[in-house]
Amino acid sequence: MILPGGSVARGARVARAIIAPGAHVPAGLVIGEDAREDARWFRRSSGGTVLVTAAMLARREAAALRHLPPAPRARSAGAV
């Protein structure tokens, strides 16, 4: 269920979830298929329904950004 103001990008997979107002599920994200991963980032009921809020998505994204390798340094114009 996507509540008014929530959205799911093309390429995301969402099952048994409630997408709260202001929550925008990005492409590539899978919700509702891995109970352990869902419980790590979102609220998951004992029945398996997942609540997704904007704050939960932001926390997940911030954690993912901390684990990215550093961007390659740009070479200067004079470098060979």
PDB file of N, CA and C in Angstrom:
ATOM      1  N   MET A   1       0.848  -1.163   0.000  1.00  0.00           N
ATOM      2  CA  MET A   1       0.000   0.000   0.000  1.00  0.00           C
ATOM      3  C   MET A   1       0.901   1.236   0.000  1.00  0.00           C
ATOM      4  N   ILE A   2       0.653   2.117  -0.911  1.00  0.00           N
ATOM      5  CA  ILE A   2       1.391   3.383  -0.976  1.00  0.00           C
ATOM      6  C   ILE A   2       0.437   4.483  -0.529  1.00  0.00           C
ATOM      7  N   LEU A   3       0.758   5.093   0.592  1.00  0.00           N
ATOM      8  CA  LEU A   3      -0.092   6.171   1.100  1.00  0.00           C
ATOM      9  C   LEU A   3       0.144   7.440   0.291  1.00  0.00           C
ATOM     10  N   PRO A   4      -0.829   8.366   0.276  1.00  0.00           N
ATOM     11  CA  PRO A   4      -0.658   9.608  -0.475  1.00  0.00           C
ATOM     12  C   PRO A   4       0.642  10.313  -0.088  1.00  0.00           C
ATOM     13  N   GLY A   5       1.407  10.705  -1.080  1.00  0.00           N
ATOM     14  CA  GLY A   5       2.678  11.378  -0.832  1.00  0.00           C
ATOM     15  C   GLY A   5       3.866  10.433  -0.825  1.00  0.00           C
ATOM     16  N   GLY A   6       3.622   9.135  -0.860  1.00  0.00           N
ATOM     17  CA  GLY A   6       4.693   8.146  -0.954  1.00  0.00           C
ATOM     18  C   GLY A   6       4.856   7.730  -2.412  1.00  0.00           C
ATOM     19  N   SER A   7       5.998   7.128  -2.742  1.00  0.00           N
ATOM     20  CA  SER A   7       6.191   6.663  -4.120  1.00  0.00           C
ATOM     21  C   SER A   7       7.195   5.520  -4.158  1.00  0.00           C
ATOM     22  N   VAL A   8       7.115   4.762  -5.244  1.00  0.00           N
ATOM     23  CA  VAL A   8       8.033   3.653  -5.493  1.00  0.00           C
ATOM     24  C   VAL A   8       8.572   3.830  -6.899  1.00  0.00           C
ATOM     25  N   ALA A   9       9.889   3.920  -7.017  1.00  0.00           N
ATOM     26  CA  ALA A   9      10.515   4.119  -8.325  1.00  0.00           C
ATOM     27  C   ALA A   9      10.418   2.851  -9.169  1.00  0.00           C
ATOM     28  N   ARG A  10      10.411   3.037 -10.455  1.00  0.00           N
ATOM     29  CA  ARG A  10      10.466   1.910 -11.379  1.00  0.00           C
ATOM     30  C   ARG A  10      11.771   1.158 -11.097  1.00  0.00           C
ATOM     31  N   GLY A  11      11.710  -0.147 -11.043  1.00  0.00           N
ATOM     32  CA  GLY A  11      12.894  -0.946 -10.773  1.00  0.00           C
ATOM     33  C   GLY A  11      13.030  -1.366  -9.318  1.00  0.00           C
ATOM     34  N   ALA A  12      12.181  -0.821  -8.436  1.00  0.00           N
ATOM     35  CA  ALA A  12      12.158  -1.260  -7.038  1.00  0.00           C
ATOM     36  C   ALA A  12      11.169  -2.421  -6.943  1.00  0.00           C
ATOM     37  N   ARG A  13      11.388  -3.315  -5.971  1.00  0.00           N
ATOM     38  CA  ARG A  13      10.442  -4.412  -5.740  1.00  0.00           C
ATOM     39  C   ARG A  13       9.923  -4.283  -4.320  1.00  0.00           C
ATOM     40  N   VAL A  14       8.606  -4.206  -4.184  1.00  0.00           N
ATOM     41  CA  VAL A  14       7.987  -4.009  -2.879  1.00  0.00           C
ATOM     42  C   VAL A  14       6.834  -4.994  -2.725  1.00  0.00           C
ATOM     43  N   ALA A  15       6.836  -5.747  -1.635  1.00  0.00           N
ATOM     44  CA  ALA A  15       5.759  -6.686  -1.335  1.00  0.00           C
ATOM     45  C   ALA A  15       5.398  -6.566   0.139  1.00  0.00           C
ATOM     46  N   ARG A  16       4.119  -6.691   0.462  1.00  0.00           N
ATOM     47  CA  ARG A  16       3.631  -6.665   1.851  1.00  0.00           C
ATOM     48  C   ARG A  16       4.198  -5.483   2.631  1.00  0.00           C
ATOM     49  N   ALA A  17       4.059  -4.292   2.063  1.00  0.00           N
ATOM     50  CA  ALA A  17       4.620  -3.107   2.706  1.00  0.00           C
ATOM     51  C   ALA A  17       3.640  -1.949   2.677  1.00  0.00           C
ATOM     52  N   ILE A  18       3.836  -1.056   3.630  1.00  0.00           N
ATOM     53  CA  ILE A  18       3.110   0.207   3.669  1.00  0.00           C
ATOM     54  C   ILE A  18       4.152   1.293   3.487  1.00  0.00           C
ATOM     55  N   ILE A  19       4.009   2.062   2.423  1.00  0.00           N
ATOM     56  CA  ILE A  19       4.931   3.153   2.126  1.00  0.00           C
ATOM     57  C   ILE A  19       4.282   4.434   2.649  1.00  0.00           C
ATOM     58  N   ALA A  20       4.893   5.038   3.654  1.00  0.00           N
ATOM     59  CA  ALA A  20       4.325   6.196   4.342  1.00  0.00           C
ATOM     60  C   ALA A  20       4.423   7.467   3.493  1.00  0.00           C
ATOM     61  N   PRO A  21       3.609   8.474   3.816  1.00  0.00           N
ATOM     62  CA  PRO A  21       3.708   9.756   3.119  1.00  0.00           C
ATOM     63  C   PRO A  21       5.129  10.313   3.226  1.00  0.00           C
ATOM     64  N   GLY A  22       5.655  10.798   2.114  1.00  0.00           N
ATOM     65  CA  GLY A  22       6.996  11.368   2.093  1.00  0.00           C
ATOM     66  C   GLY A  22       8.097  10.354   1.854  1.00  0.00           C
ATOM     67  N   ALA A  23       7.770   9.067   1.873  1.00  0.00           N
ATOM     68  CA  ALA A  23       8.772   8.018   1.631  1.00  0.00           C
ATOM     69  C   ALA A  23       8.850   7.744   0.133  1.00  0.00           C
ATOM     70  N   HIS A  24      10.052   7.773  -0.408  1.00  0.00           N
ATOM     71  CA  HIS A  24      10.257   7.535  -1.839  1.00  0.00           C
ATOM     72  C   HIS A  24      11.240   6.382  -1.985  1.00  0.00           C
ATOM     73  N   VAL A  25      10.728   5.203  -2.328  1.00  0.00           N
ATOM     74  CA  VAL A  25      11.543   3.999  -2.447  1.00  0.00           C
ATOM     75  C   VAL A  25      12.333   4.096  -3.754  1.00  0.00           C
ATOM     76  N   PRO A  26      13.668   4.058  -3.682  1.00  0.00           N
ATOM     77  CA  PRO A  26      14.477   4.227  -4.890  1.00  0.00           C
ATOM     78  C   PRO A  26      14.535   2.964  -5.752  1.00  0.00           C
ATOM     79  N   ALA A  27      14.888   3.148  -7.003  1.00  0.00           N
ATOM     80  CA  ALA A  27      15.055   2.034  -7.930  1.00  0.00           C
ATOM     81  C   ALA A  27      16.087   1.064  -7.381  1.00  0.00           C
ATOM     82  N   GLY A  28      15.830  -0.212  -7.546  1.00  0.00           N
ATOM     83  CA  GLY A  28      16.770  -1.231  -7.114  1.00  0.00           C
ATOM     84  C   GLY A  28      16.570  -1.737  -5.701  1.00  0.00           C
ATOM     85  N   LEU A  29      15.810  -1.014  -4.881  1.00  0.00           N
ATOM     86  CA  LEU A  29      15.592  -1.440  -3.501  1.00  0.00           C
ATOM     87  C   LEU A  29      14.548  -2.552  -3.472  1.00  0.00           C
ATOM     88  N   VAL A  30      14.785  -3.576  -2.668  1.00  0.00           N
ATOM     89  CA  VAL A  30      13.853  -4.691  -2.510  1.00  0.00           C
ATOM     90  C   VAL A  30      13.349  -4.679  -1.073  1.00  0.00           C
ATOM     91  N   ILE A  31      12.035  -4.637  -0.921  1.00  0.00           N
ATOM     92  CA  ILE A  31      11.405  -4.621   0.393  1.00  0.00           C
ATOM     93  C   ILE A  31      10.344  -5.719   0.426  1.00  0.00           C
ATOM     94  N   GLY A  32      10.323  -6.489   1.510  1.00  0.00           N
ATOM     95  CA  GLY A  32       9.283  -7.490   1.678  1.00  0.00           C
ATOM     96  C   GLY A  32       9.678  -8.891   1.235  1.00  0.00           C
ATOM     97  N   GLU A  33      10.929  -9.096   0.866  1.00  0.00           N
ATOM     98  CA  GLU A  33      11.374 -10.424   0.429  1.00  0.00           C
ATOM     99  C   GLU A  33      12.376 -11.054   1.391  1.00  0.00           C
ATOM    100  N   ASP A  34      13.077 -10.259   2.176  1.00  0.00           N
ATOM    101  CA  ASP A  34      14.075 -10.767   3.122  1.00  0.00           C
ATOM    102  C   ASP A  34      13.734 -10.208   4.500  1.00  0.00           C
ATOM    103  N   ALA A  35      13.148 -11.055   5.348  1.00  0.00           N
ATOM    104  CA  ALA A  35      12.671 -10.602   6.656  1.00  0.00           C
ATOM    105  C   ALA A  35      13.786  -9.993   7.499  1.00  0.00           C
ATOM    106  N   ARG A  36      14.956 -10.584   7.473  1.00  0.00           N
ATOM    107  CA  ARG A  36      16.073 -10.080   8.280  1.00  0.00           C
ATOM    108  C   ARG A  36      16.508  -8.695   7.804  1.00  0.00           C
ATOM    109  N   GLU A  37      16.640  -8.523   6.504  1.00  0.00           N
ATOM    110  CA  GLU A  37      17.047  -7.219   5.951  1.00  0.00           C
ATOM    111  C   GLU A  37      15.965  -6.175   6.196  1.00  0.00           C
ATOM    112  N   ASP A  38      14.711  -6.570   6.034  1.00  0.00           N
ATOM    113  CA  ASP A  38      13.601  -5.636   6.305  1.00  0.00           C
ATOM    114  C   ASP A  38      13.645  -5.169   7.757  1.00  0.00           C
ATOM    115  N   ALA A  39      13.836  -6.093   8.698  1.00  0.00           N
ATOM    116  CA  ALA A  39      13.846  -5.748  10.118  1.00  0.00           C
ATOM    117  C   ALA A  39      15.048  -4.881  10.471  1.00  0.00           C
ATOM    118  N   ARG A  40      16.113  -4.996   9.708  1.00  0.00           N
ATOM    119  CA  ARG A  40      17.309  -4.188   9.966  1.00  0.00           C
ATOM    120  C   ARG A  40      17.049  -2.703   9.714  1.00  0.00           C
ATOM    121  N   TRP A  41      16.271  -2.396   8.702  1.00  0.00           N
ATOM    122  CA  TRP A  41      16.094  -1.000   8.286  1.00  0.00           C
ATOM    123  C   TRP A  41      14.705  -0.428   8.539  1.00  0.00           C
ATOM    124  N   PHE A  42      13.697  -1.287   8.563  1.00  0.00           N
ATOM    125  CA  PHE A  42      12.319  -0.827   8.629  1.00  0.00           C
ATOM    126  C   PHE A  42      11.599  -1.475   9.812  1.00  0.00           C
ATOM    127  N   ARG A  43      10.343  -1.118  10.024  1.00  0.00           N
ATOM    128  CA  ARG A  43       9.516  -1.780  11.026  1.00  0.00           C
ATOM    129  C   ARG A  43       8.805  -2.927  10.330  1.00  0.00           C
ATOM    130  N   ARG A  44       8.928  -4.112  10.902  1.00  0.00           N
ATOM    131  CA  ARG A  44       8.299  -5.299  10.322  1.00  0.00           C
ATOM    132  C   ARG A  44       7.410  -5.935  11.383  1.00  0.00           C
ATOM    133  N   SER A  45       6.141  -6.142  11.046  1.00  0.00           N
ATOM    134  CA  SER A  45       5.219  -6.755  12.001  1.00  0.00           C
ATOM    135  C   SER A  45       5.477  -8.257  12.073  1.00  0.00           C
ATOM    136  N   SER A  46       4.942  -8.893  13.107  1.00  0.00           N
ATOM    137  CA  SER A  46       5.095 -10.344  13.243  1.00  0.00           C
ATOM    138  C   SER A  46       4.425 -11.077  12.086  1.00  0.00           C
ATOM    139  N   GLY A  47       3.455 -10.429  11.452  1.00  0.00           N
ATOM    140  CA  GLY A  47       2.778 -11.017  10.297  1.00  0.00           C
ATOM    141  C   GLY A  47       3.510 -10.800   8.979  1.00  0.00           C
ATOM    142  N   GLY A  48       4.591 -10.010   9.027  1.00  0.00           N
ATOM    143  CA  GLY A  48       5.400  -9.824   7.824  1.00  0.00           C
ATOM    144  C   GLY A  48       5.149  -8.551   7.047  1.00  0.00           C
ATOM    145  N   THR A  49       4.288  -7.671   7.550  1.00  0.00           N
ATOM    146  CA  THR A  49       4.061  -6.397   6.868  1.00  0.00           C
ATOM    147  C   THR A  49       5.160  -5.420   7.267  1.00  0.00           C
ATOM    148  N   VAL A  50       5.683  -4.706   6.285  1.00  0.00           N
ATOM    149  CA  VAL A  50       6.808  -3.795   6.503  1.00  0.00           C
ATOM    150  C   VAL A  50       6.324  -2.352   6.393  1.00  0.00           C
ATOM    151  N   LEU A  51       6.637  -1.542   7.396  1.00  0.00           N
ATOM    152  CA  LEU A  51       6.350  -0.111   7.353  1.00  0.00           C
ATOM    153  C   LEU A  51       7.617   0.611   6.919  1.00  0.00           C
ATOM    154  N   VAL A  52       7.489   1.465   5.911  1.00  0.00           N
ATOM    155  CA  VAL A  52       8.628   2.202   5.371  1.00  0.00           C
ATOM    156  C   VAL A  52       8.327   3.693   5.463  1.00  0.00           C
ATOM    157  N   THR A  53       9.183   4.435   6.186  1.00  0.00           N
ATOM    158  CA  THR A  53       9.024   5.885   6.294  1.00  0.00           C
ATOM    159  C   THR A  53      10.223   6.581   5.646  1.00  0.00           C
ATOM    160  N   ALA A  54      10.099   7.857   5.415  1.00  0.00           N
ATOM    161  CA  ALA A  54      11.195   8.637   4.828  1.00  0.00           C
ATOM    162  C   ALA A  54      12.422   8.600   5.733  1.00  0.00           C
ATOM    163  N   ALA A  55      12.226   8.699   7.045  1.00  0.00           N
ATOM    164  CA  ALA A  55      13.346   8.676   7.987  1.00  0.00           C
ATOM    165  C   ALA A  55      14.082   7.334   7.937  1.00  0.00           C
ATOM    166  N   MET A  56      13.360   6.249   7.819  1.00  0.00           N
ATOM    167  CA  MET A  56      13.978   4.922   7.736  1.00  0.00           C
ATOM    168  C   MET A  56      14.809   4.790   6.456  1.00  0.00           C
ATOM    169  N   LEU A  57      14.272   5.279   5.354  1.00  0.00           N
ATOM    170  CA  LEU A  57      15.003   5.234   4.081  1.00  0.00           C
ATOM    171  C   LEU A  57      16.256   6.103   4.147  1.00  0.00           C
ATOM    172  N   ALA A  58      16.158   7.258   4.781  1.00  0.00           N
ATOM    173  CA  ALA A  58      17.316   8.156   4.903  1.00  0.00           C
ATOM    174  C   ALA A  58      18.409   7.505   5.747  1.00  0.00           C
ATOM    175  N   ARG A  59      18.033   6.831   6.820  1.00  0.00           N
ATOM    176  CA  ARG A  59      19.006   6.149   7.675  1.00  0.00           C
ATOM    177  C   ARG A  59      19.697   5.034   6.900  1.00  0.00           C
ATOM    178  N   ARG A  60      18.935   4.288   6.101  1.00  0.00           N
ATOM    179  CA  ARG A  60      19.505   3.216   5.293  1.00  0.00           C
ATOM    180  C   ARG A  60      20.468   3.773   4.248  1.00  0.00           C
ATOM    181  N   GLU A  61      20.079   4.855   3.600  1.00  0.00           N
ATOM    182  CA  GLU A  61      20.930   5.466   2.571  1.00  0.00           C
ATOM    183  C   GLU A  61      22.225   6.014   3.185  1.00  0.00           C
ATOM    184  N   ALA A  62      22.115   6.656   4.338  1.00  0.00           N
ATOM    185  CA  ALA A  62      23.305   7.205   5.001  1.00  0.00           C
ATOM    186  C   ALA A  62      24.279   6.085   5.363  1.00  0.00           C
ATOM    187  N   ALA A  63      23.776   4.966   5.828  1.00  0.00           N
ATOM    188  CA  ALA A  63      24.639   3.837   6.174  1.00  0.00           C
ATOM    189  C   ALA A  63      25.312   3.280   4.929  1.00  0.00           C
ATOM    190  N   ALA A  64      24.582   3.208   3.829  1.00  0.00           N
ATOM    191  CA  ALA A  64      25.152   2.697   2.574  1.00  0.00           C
ATOM    192  C   ALA A  64      26.247   3.623   2.066  1.00  0.00           C
ATOM    193  N   LEU A  65      26.060   4.933   2.200  1.00  0.00           N
ATOM    194  CA  LEU A  65      27.061   5.890   1.724  1.00  0.00           C
ATOM    195  C   LEU A  65      28.349   5.805   2.531  1.00  0.00           C
ATOM    196  N   ARG A  66      28.252   5.473   3.817  1.00  0.00           N
ATOM    197  CA  ARG A  66      29.447   5.341   4.657  1.00  0.00           C
ATOM    198  C   ARG A  66      30.307   4.154   4.229  1.00  0.00           C
ATOM    199  N   HIS A  67      29.702   3.178   3.547  1.00  0.00           N
ATOM    200  CA  HIS A  67      30.436   1.972   3.172  1.00  0.00           C
ATOM    201  C   HIS A  67      30.922   1.985   1.726  1.00  0.00           C
ATOM    202  N   LEU A  68      30.691   3.067   1.010  1.00  0.00           N
ATOM    203  CA  LEU A  68      31.174   3.158  -0.369  1.00  0.00           C
ATOM    204  C   LEU A  68      32.670   3.439  -0.378  1.00  0.00           C
ATOM    205  N   PRO A  69      33.396   2.877  -1.356  1.00  0.00           N
ATOM    206  CA  PRO A  69      34.816   3.220  -1.461  1.00  0.00           C
ATOM    207  C   PRO A  69      34.953   4.681  -1.874  1.00  0.00           C
ATOM    208  N   PRO A  70      36.066   5.328  -1.546  1.00  0.00           N
ATOM    209  CA  PRO A  70      36.240   6.725  -1.931  1.00  0.00           C
ATOM    210  C   PRO A  70      36.228   6.873  -3.450  1.00  0.00           C
ATOM    211  N   ALA A  71      35.724   7.998  -3.907  1.00  0.00           N
ATOM    212  CA  ALA A  71      35.679   8.273  -5.352  1.00  0.00           C
ATOM    213  C   ALA A  71      37.100   8.438  -5.867  1.00  0.00           C
ATOM    214  N   PRO A  72      37.354   7.996  -7.100  1.00  0.00           N
ATOM    215  CA  PRO A  72      38.700   8.184  -7.656  1.00  0.00           C
ATOM    216  C   PRO A  72      39.026   9.666  -7.780  1.00  0.00           C
ATOM    217  N   ARG A  73      40.277  10.009  -7.563  1.00  0.00           N
ATOM    218  CA  ARG A  73      40.685  11.413  -7.655  1.00  0.00           C
ATOM    219  C   ARG A  73      40.773  11.811  -9.126  1.00  0.00           C
ATOM    220  N   ALA A  74      40.331  13.010  -9.401  1.00  0.00           N
ATOM    221  CA  ALA A  74      40.446  13.540 -10.773  1.00  0.00           C
ATOM    222  C   ALA A  74      41.910  13.857 -11.051  1.00  0.00           C
ATOM    223  N   ARG A  75      42.327  13.532 -12.253  1.00  0.00           N
ATOM    224  CA  ARG A  75      43.705  13.845 -12.643  1.00  0.00           C
ATOM    225  C   ARG A  75      43.788  15.295 -13.064  1.00  0.00           C
ATOM    226  N   SER A  76      44.888  15.944 -12.732  1.00  0.00           N
ATOM    227  CA  SER A  76      45.044  17.349 -13.116  1.00  0.00           C
ATOM    228  C   SER A  76      45.310  17.425 -14.610  1.00  0.00           C
ATOM    229  N   ALA A  77      45.069  18.585 -15.192  1.00  0.00           N
ATOM    230  CA  ALA A  77      45.209  18.778 -16.641  1.00  0.00           C
ATOM    231  C   ALA A  77      46.633  18.509 -17.115  1.00  0.00           C
ATOM    232  N   GLY A  78      47.623  18.753 -16.260  1.00  0.00           N
ATOM    233  CA  GLY A  78      49.015  18.572 -16.670  1.00  0.00           C
ATOM    234  C   GLY A  78      49.530  17.154 -16.439  1.00  0.00           C
ATOM    235  N   ALA A  79      48.764  16.315 -15.796  1.00  0.00           N
ATOM    236  CA  ALA A  79      49.216  14.960 -15.479  1.00  0.00           C
ATOM    237  C   ALA A  79      49.195  14.081 -16.713  1.00  0.00           C
ATOM    238  N   VAL A  80      50.163  13.166 -16.760  1.00  0.00           N
ATOM    239  CA  VAL A  80      50.239  12.240 -17.896  1.00  0.00           C
ATOM    240  C   VAL A  80      49.983  10.839 -17.432  1.00  0.00           C
TER     241      VAL A  80
END
